[in-house]
Amino acid sequence: MSSKKQQNAFQGKECFSRMNFLFQASMLMAGSNKTLAAYYGELCKNIGKKAVLKIDPDVKRQLCKRCSLALQPGITADLETVSQGKRRKCSKNTQNVDENTSLKLTCQQCGFKRKYLVNSEYKFWLENKESVMETITVEQEKQKIIRSKESKTLET
């Protein structure tokens, strides 16, 4: 009974590997064939939805929300900075920094625009130590599988 629990400790491992492969293929093809790159990005998203897996925010940020094209500044997307006033002095440097400066990323295929606020003090929830419940490494998984196989051979 415990061996089944150990085997299911990391659910969706195959789906994550497929998604990783498709994401890498999408990033690779973005420079040469945009429609194929968008198709691979869409497949990556669909696999995650079908298996009900959460896609890493870094991966989500690199895919267009509308057409799923891999966004690479200068190749498949245009990058520009937008300043909205309210200048303040930065404590570390003596340079003036815009408080509401944002980066605008525009997809070249569909024209979808994304804005990211530039704030060096902001941290995403997933980057906080409080959000991490368990860290799984490949070595731990291999050891669990070996133990479960050994226990099965001892039972028979």
Foldseek 3Di string as FASTA:
>chain_A
DVLVVLLPVDPCPVLVVLLVVLLVVLVVCLQPDQLSSLVSQVVSVVSCVVSVHDDDVVSVVQADPPRRHGFDDPRFKDKDKDADDDWDADPVDRDIDGQFIWIWIAGPPPGDIDIDGDDPPDDDPVPDPVVDDDDDDPVSSVVSNVVSVVVVVVVD
